[in-house]
């Protein structure tokens, strides 16, 4: 289930997308490898080994969420990001903490279903092809018992079946050569949202139980279908998807998805500092609810059973990664029982000028490469000089220090301001060609804004 990656390989993969934060990368790499080690441990020890949950401490925009998201992709594990502030103590209006496990299970079901669908695509395409051929060349109706005249008429035309078979194969060949793609046909497909009204009027409590009225009524009256006129190219895709769903064993999908959630699931709880109670004195009002959320989180993180519409999910071996800026509250402000369930603590550092420079140039999806790819669509090739990149990095660090530290997200606002005129003029006001962004242009566009604190607060 889990991919066999060593901690060094995991860190190397994370380095391709995330700059710096070596300590955090090492911690999550060890946690991921430990999950693989647990699955390969002896049977009597496997259930005794608990995951080392991690709490990441650091300002926004320094890579906390991205580390967790990339980690889940490396592991091929179900992953969900939730915000602690979205949950309320049981008894208050809002989502309860169990819903994060139900949502994680839904994600796992979709993930496994897609994997199974990929495995039956060839067979599904063949079945879709047969359905299209049945529409183009309707099959000979089977004679009904008791209709002697019909049987006799069919017997009088022995060459029909052979001619129909040859015609069908000729059309099959044309289909595979895409010669019929533009022809329109009428196909019968499942109606979208056929039971949506059942969900709209369902009682609110059912959603929190992981059930809806559609599931309870089970398809009473059958699934509605409707006829649509589609080009054969589109019909092939629609019918192949429908046939693939028929070929999938959903019981097997559910069993594997539940196992994957329980053994490999990752839950990323962001803004956990927002539910920390800042001081023992003067507790009241919202602080009561904050502590209540922590106490509701505790059994989930400790290990308990959560009922979902696919069955019971045990959370004992789900990896929980929490994060927060902790500008005001401290990790020690969390209730002691919850602190103990996050034994690994990693501090992520604020980004420096050098970090910003690397973020702009090193990762595979670096921001400069993204803007270059956008403008290539209009025939413009943008080149950034080394001096320009360093000037952008300096400006980002300066504005973060003086206004508000939003980490690498500052680069988005700066580049949008820097390239605004070019992005606006390119389609009709500028000829395609090469454009060079140098340090002088960066200073001209950004220096006045960066120096004016009030202005940079709104623009950058």
Protein backbone atom coordinates (compact mmCIF):
# COMPACT_ATOMS: atom_id res chain seq x y z
CA UNK A 1 0.00 0.00 0.00
CA UNK A 2 2.61 2.54 1.11
CA UNK A 3 5.42 3.16 -1.33
CA UNK A 4 8.79 1.97 -0.09
CA UNK A 5 10.78 5.21 0.12
CA UNK A 6 13.74 5.85 2.41
CA UNK A 7 13.79 9.07 4.48
CA UNK A 8 16.55 10.47 2.22
CA UNK A 9 14.47 9.76 -0.88
CA UNK A 10 11.43 11.42 0.70
CA UNK A 11 13.44 14.55 1.58
CA UNK A 12 14.95 14.63 -1.93
CA UNK A 13 11.44 14.52 -3.44
CA UNK A 14 10.20 17.27 -1.13
CA UNK A 15 13.24 19.39 -2.06
CA UNK A 16 12.01 19.45 -5.66
CA UNK A 17 9.00 21.50 -4.63
CA UNK A 18 9.74 23.11 -1.25
CA UNK A 19 12.72 25.31 -0.41
CA UNK A 20 14.45 25.00 2.99
CA UNK A 21 12.72 23.74 6.15
CA UNK A 22 15.11 20.78 6.38
CA UNK A 23 14.11 19.86 9.95
CA UNK A 24 10.42 19.64 9.08
CA UNK A 25 11.17 17.54 6.00
CA UNK A 26 13.27 15.12 8.05
CA UNK A 27 10.53 14.76 10.67
CA UNK A 28 7.78 13.98 8.17
CA UNK A 29 10.12 11.67 6.22
CA UNK A 30 10.82 9.64 9.36
CA UNK A 31 7.11 9.56 10.23
CA UNK A 32 6.26 8.26 6.76
CA UNK A 33 9.00 5.63 6.80
CA UNK A 34 7.86 4.51 10.26
CA UNK A 35 4.43 3.75 8.85
CA UNK A 36 6.00 1.43 6.28
CA UNK A 37 8.15 -0.12 9.03
CA UNK A 38 5.05 -0.72 11.18
CA UNK A 39 3.26 -2.53 8.35
CA UNK A 40 6.28 -4.83 8.02
CA UNK A 41 6.60 -5.46 11.76
CA UNK A 42 5.55 -8.75 13.37
CA UNK A 43 1.83 -9.31 13.81
CA UNK A 44 1.95 -9.11 17.61
CA UNK A 45 3.67 -5.69 17.53
CA UNK A 46 1.98 -4.06 14.55
CA UNK A 47 -1.10 -2.85 16.40
CA UNK A 48 0.97 -1.66 19.35
CA UNK A 49 3.08 0.79 17.36
CA UNK A 50 1.43 4.21 17.40
CA UNK A 51 2.07 6.94 14.80
CA UNK A 52 4.31 9.87 15.78
CA UNK A 53 1.94 12.76 15.18
CA UNK A 54 3.63 16.06 14.33
CA UNK A 55 2.89 19.67 15.21
CA UNK A 56 4.45 22.28 12.91
CA UNK A 57 5.06 25.74 14.32
CA UNK A 58 5.72 28.67 12.01
CA UNK A 59 4.24 31.68 10.21
CA UNK A 60 1.92 31.38 7.23
CA UNK A 61 3.35 30.77 3.78
CA UNK A 62 6.54 28.95 4.79
CA UNK A 63 5.55 25.50 3.48
CA UNK A 64 3.63 23.72 6.27
CA UNK A 65 0.63 22.71 4.17
CA UNK A 66 2.71 21.99 1.08
CA UNK A 67 4.98 19.60 3.00
CA UNK A 68 1.97 17.61 4.23
CA UNK A 69 0.27 17.60 0.81
CA UNK A 70 3.40 16.47 -1.04
CA UNK A 71 4.01 13.82 1.61
CA UNK A 72 0.57 12.33 0.98
CA UNK A 73 1.17 12.27 -2.78
CA UNK A 74 4.50 10.51 -2.29
CA UNK A 75 2.85 7.87 -0.12
CA UNK A 76 -0.21 7.50 -2.36
CA UNK A 77 -2.20 8.02 0.83
CA UNK A 78 -5.64 9.59 1.40
CA UNK A 79 -5.08 13.17 2.57
CA UNK A 80 -7.35 15.90 3.87
CA UNK A 81 -6.63 19.40 5.12
CA UNK A 82 -9.04 20.83 7.68
CA UNK A 83 -9.06 24.07 9.64
CA UNK A 84 -9.51 23.70 13.38
CA UNK A 85 -11.58 26.90 13.48
CA UNK A 86 -14.31 25.27 11.34
CA UNK A 87 -15.18 22.84 14.10
CA UNK A 88 -17.28 23.47 17.18
CA UNK A 89 -17.79 21.61 20.39
CA UNK A 90 -20.53 18.99 20.28
CA UNK A 91 -23.81 20.69 21.09
CA UNK A 92 -22.92 23.92 19.26
CA UNK A 93 -23.98 24.80 15.72
CA UNK A 94 -21.26 23.78 13.26
CA UNK A 95 -19.31 20.74 12.11
CA UNK A 96 -18.17 18.16 14.60
CA UNK A 97 -14.64 16.75 14.46
CA UNK A 98 -15.82 13.29 13.32
CA UNK A 99 -16.67 14.82 9.95
CA UNK A 100 -12.96 15.09 9.06
CA UNK A 101 -12.70 11.29 9.13
CA UNK A 102 -15.87 10.90 7.07
CA UNK A 103 -14.51 13.37 4.51
CA UNK A 104 -11.17 11.52 4.47
CA UNK A 105 -13.04 8.27 3.81
CA UNK A 106 -14.91 9.86 0.88
CA UNK A 107 -11.56 10.96 -0.57
CA UNK A 108 -10.17 7.42 -0.19
CA UNK A 109 -13.23 5.90 -1.88
CA UNK A 110 -12.81 8.24 -4.87
CA UNK A 111 -9.06 7.56 -5.00
CA UNK A 112 -9.44 3.77 -5.02
CA UNK A 113 -12.38 3.91 -7.45
CA UNK A 114 -10.29 5.91 -9.93
CA UNK A 115 -7.44 3.42 -9.62
CA UNK A 116 -9.80 0.52 -10.33
CA UNK A 117 -11.37 2.45 -13.21
CA UNK A 118 -7.94 2.92 -14.79
CA UNK A 119 -7.45 -0.85 -14.63
CA UNK A 120 -10.64 -1.61 -16.61
CA UNK A 121 -10.40 1.18 -19.17
CA UNK A 122 -9.53 -1.12 -22.09
CA UNK A 123 -12.52 -3.38 -21.42
CA UNK A 124 -14.77 -0.35 -20.82
CA UNK A 125 -13.73 1.19 -24.16
CA UNK A 126 -14.58 -2.06 -25.96
CA UNK A 127 -18.01 -2.19 -24.33
CA UNK A 128 -18.63 1.49 -25.15
CA UNK A 129 -17.67 0.75 -28.75
CA UNK A 130 -20.21 -2.10 -28.88
CA UNK A 131 -22.94 0.20 -27.54
CA UNK A 132 -22.18 2.80 -30.22
CA UNK A 133 -22.24 0.11 -32.92
CA UNK A 134 -25.61 -1.11 -31.59
CA UNK A 135 -26.95 2.43 -32.12
CA UNK A 136 -25.44 2.78 -35.61
CA UNK A 137 -26.42 -0.75 -36.71
CA UNK A 138 -29.29 -2.04 -34.55
CA UNK A 139 -28.97 -5.79 -33.91
CA UNK A 140 -31.50 -8.20 -35.40
CA UNK A 141 -34.33 -8.64 -32.87
CA UNK A 142 -34.57 -12.15 -31.42
CA UNK A 143 -37.72 -13.99 -32.55
CA UNK A 144 -40.39 -14.27 -29.90
CA UNK A 145 -41.95 -17.67 -29.19
CA UNK A 146 -45.27 -18.19 -30.91
CA UNK A 147 -44.63 -15.77 -33.77
CA UNK A 148 -44.31 -18.33 -36.55
CA UNK A 149 -44.51 -15.74 -39.35
CA UNK A 150 -41.65 -13.72 -37.87
CA UNK A 151 -39.50 -16.85 -37.50
CA UNK A 152 -40.28 -17.81 -41.07
CA UNK A 153 -39.40 -14.33 -42.34
CA UNK A 154 -36.04 -14.47 -40.59
CA UNK A 155 -35.35 -17.93 -42.00
CA UNK A 156 -36.03 -16.62 -45.52
CA UNK A 157 -33.12 -14.12 -45.27
CA UNK A 158 -30.08 -16.23 -44.34
CA UNK A 159 -27.59 -13.70 -45.76
CA UNK A 160 -28.78 -10.84 -43.55
CA UNK A 161 -26.78 -11.90 -40.49
CA UNK A 162 -23.56 -12.25 -42.46
CA UNK A 163 -24.05 -8.91 -44.23
CA UNK A 164 -24.87 -7.19 -40.94
CA UNK A 165 -21.76 -8.67 -39.35
CA UNK A 166 -19.53 -7.41 -42.20
CA UNK A 167 -21.11 -3.96 -42.00
CA UNK A 168 -20.62 -3.89 -38.25
CA UNK A 169 -16.92 -4.73 -38.55
CA UNK A 170 -16.50 -2.06 -41.24
CA UNK A 171 -18.06 0.53 -38.94
CA UNK A 172 -15.91 -0.73 -36.03
CA UNK A 173 -12.83 -0.11 -38.15
CA UNK A 174 -14.05 3.40 -39.02
CA UNK A 175 -14.73 4.06 -35.32
CA UNK A 176 -11.20 3.07 -34.36
CA UNK A 177 -9.76 5.31 -37.07
CA UNK A 178 -11.86 8.23 -35.69
CA UNK A 179 -13.61 8.66 -39.04
CA UNK A 180 -17.05 8.87 -37.40
CA UNK A 181 -16.17 11.24 -34.58
CA UNK A 182 -18.26 14.14 -35.88
CA UNK A 183 -21.45 12.13 -36.43
CA UNK A 184 -24.18 12.69 -33.83
CA UNK A 185 -26.00 9.83 -32.15
CA UNK A 186 -28.62 9.55 -29.42
CA UNK A 187 -27.40 7.72 -26.32
CA UNK A 188 -29.13 6.78 -23.08
CA UNK A 189 -27.13 7.72 -19.98
CA UNK A 190 -27.72 8.08 -16.25
CA UNK A 191 -29.43 11.35 -15.35
CA UNK A 192 -27.23 13.71 -13.32
CA UNK A 193 -28.52 14.73 -9.90
CA UNK A 194 -31.57 12.50 -10.18
CA UNK A 195 -31.91 12.31 -6.40
CA UNK A 196 -30.76 15.80 -5.46
CA UNK A 197 -34.17 16.74 -4.06
CA UNK A 198 -33.88 13.93 -1.54
CA UNK A 199 -30.70 15.46 -0.18
CA UNK A 200 -31.98 19.03 -0.11
CA UNK A 201 -34.90 18.18 2.14
CA UNK A 202 -33.06 15.69 4.34
CA UNK A 203 -32.69 16.49 8.05
CA UNK A 204 -29.40 18.21 8.92
CA UNK A 205 -28.39 15.52 11.40
CA UNK A 206 -28.04 12.86 8.71
CA UNK A 207 -25.08 14.63 7.09
CA UNK A 208 -23.18 14.56 10.35
CA UNK A 209 -23.89 10.82 10.60
CA UNK A 210 -22.36 10.30 7.17
CA UNK A 211 -25.73 9.27 5.71
CA UNK A 212 -28.17 10.90 3.33
CA UNK A 213 -31.74 10.08 2.33
CA UNK A 214 -30.60 8.81 -1.05
CA UNK A 215 -28.55 6.10 0.70
CA UNK A 216 -31.39 5.25 3.11
CA UNK A 217 -33.95 4.85 0.33
CA UNK A 218 -31.35 2.94 -1.68
CA UNK A 219 -32.36 3.64 -5.28
CA UNK A 220 -36.08 3.19 -4.76
CA UNK A 221 -37.72 3.34 -8.15
CA UNK A 222 -34.42 2.70 -9.93
CA UNK A 223 -31.91 5.12 -11.33
CA UNK A 224 -33.34 7.60 -13.79
CA UNK A 225 -31.89 7.66 -17.28
CA UNK A 226 -32.21 10.17 -20.07
CA UNK A 227 -31.40 10.41 -23.76
CA UNK A 228 -28.78 12.84 -25.03
CA UNK A 229 -27.55 13.70 -28.52
CA UNK A 230 -23.77 13.60 -28.59
CA UNK A 231 -21.00 13.49 -31.13
CA UNK A 232 -19.52 10.01 -31.29
CA UNK A 233 -16.22 11.32 -29.93
CA UNK A 234 -18.02 12.58 -26.80
CA UNK A 235 -20.31 9.55 -26.58
CA UNK A 236 -17.31 7.22 -26.55
CA UNK A 237 -15.93 8.98 -23.45
CA UNK A 238 -19.30 9.14 -21.63
CA UNK A 239 -20.16 5.52 -22.33
CA UNK A 240 -16.66 4.29 -21.43
CA UNK A 241 -16.94 5.99 -18.03
CA UNK A 242 -20.36 4.43 -17.46
CA UNK A 243 -19.14 0.96 -18.45
CA UNK A 244 -16.05 1.31 -16.24
CA UNK A 245 -18.29 2.01 -13.22
CA UNK A 246 -20.27 -1.16 -13.97
CA UNK A 247 -17.07 -3.23 -14.11
CA UNK A 248 -15.82 -2.02 -10.72
CA UNK A 249 -16.56 -4.15 -7.67
CA UNK A 250 -17.66 -1.42 -5.24
CA UNK A 251 -17.59 -3.80 -2.25
CA UNK A 252 -13.91 -4.41 -2.95
CA UNK A 253 -13.33 -0.68 -3.44
CA UNK A 254 -14.91 0.11 -0.07
CA UNK A 255 -12.89 -2.55 1.75
CA UNK A 256 -9.62 -1.33 0.27
CA UNK A 257 -10.46 2.34 0.84
CA UNK A 258 -11.29 1.75 4.51
CA UNK A 259 -8.05 -0.18 4.95
CA UNK A 260 -6.09 2.59 3.27
CA UNK A 261 -7.66 5.26 5.49
CA UNK A 262 -6.93 3.29 8.65
CA UNK A 263 -3.36 2.32 7.77
CA UNK A 264 -2.14 5.24 5.63
CA UNK A 265 -4.54 8.19 6.02
CA UNK A 266 -3.08 11.64 6.75
CA UNK A 267 -5.10 14.44 8.37
CA UNK A 268 -3.60 17.93 8.33
CA UNK A 269 -5.19 20.16 11.00
CA UNK A 270 -4.36 23.78 10.24
CA UNK A 271 -4.73 26.76 12.59
CA UNK A 272 -4.73 24.58 15.68
CA UNK A 273 -3.33 27.56 17.61
CA UNK A 274 -6.70 29.29 17.10
CA UNK A 275 -8.41 26.76 19.40
CA UNK A 276 -5.74 27.00 22.10
CA UNK A 277 -6.86 28.68 25.32
CA UNK A 278 -4.36 31.47 25.88
CA UNK A 279 -4.51 31.67 29.66
CA UNK A 280 -6.10 29.85 32.55
CA UNK A 281 -7.46 33.10 34.00
CA UNK A 282 -10.63 34.61 32.69
CA UNK A 283 -11.85 31.61 30.72
CA UNK A 284 -15.27 32.19 29.36
CA UNK A 285 -17.15 32.95 26.18
CA UNK A 286 -15.40 31.57 23.10
CA UNK A 287 -12.59 29.98 25.17
CA UNK A 288 -15.02 27.38 26.49
CA UNK A 289 -15.81 26.30 22.94
CA UNK A 290 -12.11 26.30 22.00
CA UNK A 291 -11.27 23.91 24.79
CA UNK A 292 -14.32 21.85 23.89
CA UNK A 293 -13.01 21.43 20.33
CA UNK A 294 -9.68 20.23 21.73
CA UNK A 295 -11.44 17.69 23.94
CA UNK A 296 -13.49 16.48 20.98
CA UNK A 297 -10.29 16.17 18.91
CA UNK A 298 -8.56 14.15 21.62
CA UNK A 299 -10.34 10.77 21.14
CA UNK A 300 -9.96 11.03 17.35
CA UNK A 301 -6.20 11.60 17.64
CA UNK A 302 -5.83 9.03 20.44
CA UNK A 303 -7.62 6.39 18.43
CA UNK A 304 -11.34 5.67 18.29
CA UNK A 305 -14.00 4.42 15.92
CA UNK A 306 -15.90 6.80 13.63
CA UNK A 307 -18.99 5.55 11.86
CA UNK A 308 -19.16 6.48 8.17
CA UNK A 309 -21.65 5.47 5.50
CA UNK A 310 -19.07 2.92 4.30
CA UNK A 311 -18.51 1.32 7.71
CA UNK A 312 -16.55 1.87 10.91
CA UNK A 313 -13.17 3.62 10.56
CA UNK A 314 -10.60 3.21 13.33
CA UNK A 315 -8.33 6.22 13.73
CA UNK A 316 -5.58 4.55 15.79
CA UNK A 317 -2.98 4.58 13.00
CA UNK A 318 -4.01 7.68 11.03
CA UNK A 319 -1.16 10.22 10.95
CA UNK A 320 -2.21 13.62 12.28
CA UNK A 321 -0.13 16.67 11.37
CA UNK A 322 -1.17 19.89 13.11
CA UNK A 323 0.13 23.36 12.34
CA UNK A 324 -0.20 26.89 13.56
CA UNK A 325 1.62 30.21 13.64
CA UNK A 326 1.41 30.37 17.46
CA UNK A 327 2.01 34.13 17.44
CA UNK A 328 -0.18 34.68 20.52
CA UNK A 329 -0.91 31.23 21.93
CA UNK A 330 1.83 28.66 22.57
CA UNK A 331 1.79 24.88 22.05
CA UNK A 332 1.76 24.60 25.84
CA UNK A 333 -1.64 26.39 25.83
CA UNK A 334 -3.21 23.28 24.30
CA UNK A 335 -4.74 20.93 26.84
CA UNK A 336 -2.04 18.58 28.21
CA UNK A 337 -3.72 15.42 26.90
CA UNK A 338 -3.73 16.78 23.33
CA UNK A 339 -0.13 18.01 23.61
CA UNK A 340 0.91 14.47 24.49
CA UNK A 341 -0.66 13.15 21.29
CA UNK A 342 1.67 15.33 19.17
CA UNK A 343 5.10 14.20 20.42
CA UNK A 344 7.08 15.54 17.43
CA UNK A 345 7.36 19.34 17.30
CA UNK A 346 9.06 21.11 14.41
CA UNK A 347 9.64 24.83 14.04
CA UNK A 348 9.57 26.22 10.51
CA UNK A 349 11.61 29.35 9.98
CA UNK A 350 10.61 32.60 8.30
CA UNK A 351 11.84 32.90 4.74
CA UNK A 352 14.99 34.91 4.00
CA UNK A 353 16.00 36.77 0.83
CA UNK A 354 18.03 33.72 -0.22
CA UNK A 355 14.99 31.47 0.35
CA UNK A 356 12.82 33.70 -1.83
CA UNK A 357 15.48 33.61 -4.58
CA UNK A 358 15.51 29.80 -4.48
CA UNK A 359 11.69 29.62 -4.45
CA UNK A 360 11.61 31.72 -7.61
CA UNK A 361 14.17 29.61 -9.47
CA UNK A 362 14.64 26.05 -8.15
CA UNK A 363 11.29 24.19 -7.77
CA UNK A 364 9.77 22.43 -10.79
CA UNK A 365 6.68 24.60 -10.46
CA UNK A 366 8.57 27.81 -9.60
CA UNK A 367 6.49 30.98 -9.82
CA UNK A 368 8.63 32.54 -12.56
CA UNK A 369 8.16 29.42 -14.70
CA UNK A 370 4.40 29.66 -14.18
CA UNK A 371 4.26 33.26 -15.43
CA UNK A 372 6.53 32.40 -18.36
CA UNK A 373 4.19 29.55 -19.31
CA UNK A 374 1.16 31.88 -19.10
CA UNK A 375 2.67 34.47 -21.42
CA UNK A 376 3.93 31.92 -23.95
CA UNK A 377 0.24 31.35 -24.75
CA UNK A 378 0.22 34.89 -26.21
CA UNK A 379 3.50 34.35 -28.04
CA UNK A 380 5.59 36.35 -25.56
CA UNK A 381 8.76 34.83 -24.11
CA UNK A 382 9.66 36.50 -20.81
CA UNK A 383 13.20 36.30 -19.49
CA UNK A 384 14.19 37.41 -15.97
CA UNK A 385 17.78 38.47 -15.39
CA UNK A 386 19.52 37.24 -12.24
CA UNK A 387 19.55 40.80 -10.92
CA UNK A 388 15.78 41.07 -11.44
CA UNK A 389 15.12 37.84 -9.55
CA UNK A 390 17.26 38.98 -6.62
CA UNK A 391 15.49 42.37 -6.59
CA UNK A 392 12.09 40.61 -6.42
CA UNK A 393 13.37 38.43 -3.56
CA UNK A 394 14.67 41.49 -1.66
CA UNK A 395 11.36 43.30 -2.08
CA UNK A 396 9.38 40.29 -0.84
CA UNK A 397 11.54 39.97 2.28
CA UNK A 398 11.37 43.73 2.94
CA UNK A 399 7.57 43.96 2.66
CA UNK A 400 7.09 40.85 4.82
CA UNK A 401 9.28 42.41 7.53
CA UNK A 402 7.57 45.79 7.46
CA UNK A 403 3.90 45.01 6.78
CA UNK A 404 2.82 41.45 7.55
CA UNK A 405 4.70 38.21 7.12
CA UNK A 406 2.70 36.07 4.69
CA UNK A 407 5.70 34.03 3.58
CA UNK A 408 6.05 32.89 -0.02
CA UNK A 409 2.53 34.12 -0.86
CA UNK A 410 4.06 37.61 -0.99
CA UNK A 411 5.74 36.64 -4.26
CA UNK A 412 2.35 36.25 -5.96
CA UNK A 413 1.32 39.81 -5.14
CA UNK A 414 4.70 41.25 -6.12
CA UNK A 415 4.88 39.45 -9.47
CA UNK A 416 1.28 40.37 -10.30
CA UNK A 417 2.08 44.05 -9.65
CA UNK A 418 5.36 43.83 -11.57
CA UNK A 419 3.85 42.17 -14.66
CA UNK A 420 0.40 43.77 -14.56
CA UNK A 421 1.01 46.10 -17.51
CA UNK A 422 2.55 43.34 -19.61
CA UNK A 423 -0.26 40.88 -18.82
CA UNK A 424 -2.84 43.52 -19.78
CA UNK A 425 -1.20 44.76 -22.99
CA UNK A 426 0.03 41.50 -24.51
CA UNK A 427 -3.13 40.25 -26.28
CA UNK A 428 -3.68 43.33 -28.45
CA UNK A 429 -1.19 46.06 -27.57
CA UNK A 430 2.16 44.30 -27.98
CA UNK A 431 3.74 42.26 -30.73
CA UNK A 432 4.77 38.67 -29.88
CA UNK A 433 8.45 38.26 -29.11
CA UNK A 434 10.99 38.26 -26.30
CA UNK A 435 10.68 40.49 -23.22
CA UNK A 436 13.47 40.89 -20.69
CA UNK A 437 12.76 41.90 -17.10
CA UNK A 438 15.88 43.40 -15.51
CA UNK A 439 16.73 44.83 -12.12
CA UNK A 440 16.15 48.43 -13.24
CA UNK A 441 12.59 47.61 -14.33
CA UNK A 442 11.87 45.86 -11.01
CA UNK A 443 13.15 48.87 -9.06
CA UNK A 444 11.12 51.24 -11.21
CA UNK A 445 7.89 49.29 -10.72
CA UNK A 446 8.22 48.27 -7.08
CA UNK A 447 10.62 50.52 -5.16
CA UNK A 448 8.17 53.39 -4.60
CA UNK A 449 5.41 51.01 -3.45
CA UNK A 450 7.72 48.99 -1.21
CA UNK A 451 9.06 52.11 0.53
CA UNK A 452 5.59 53.54 1.17
CA UNK A 453 4.36 51.39 4.04
CA UNK A 454 0.73 52.49 3.77
CA UNK A 455 0.70 51.85 0.01
CA UNK A 456 2.44 48.48 0.21
CA UNK A 457 -0.07 47.39 2.83
CA UNK A 458 -2.80 47.52 0.19
CA UNK A 459 -0.92 46.74 -3.04
CA UNK A 460 1.73 44.26 -1.95
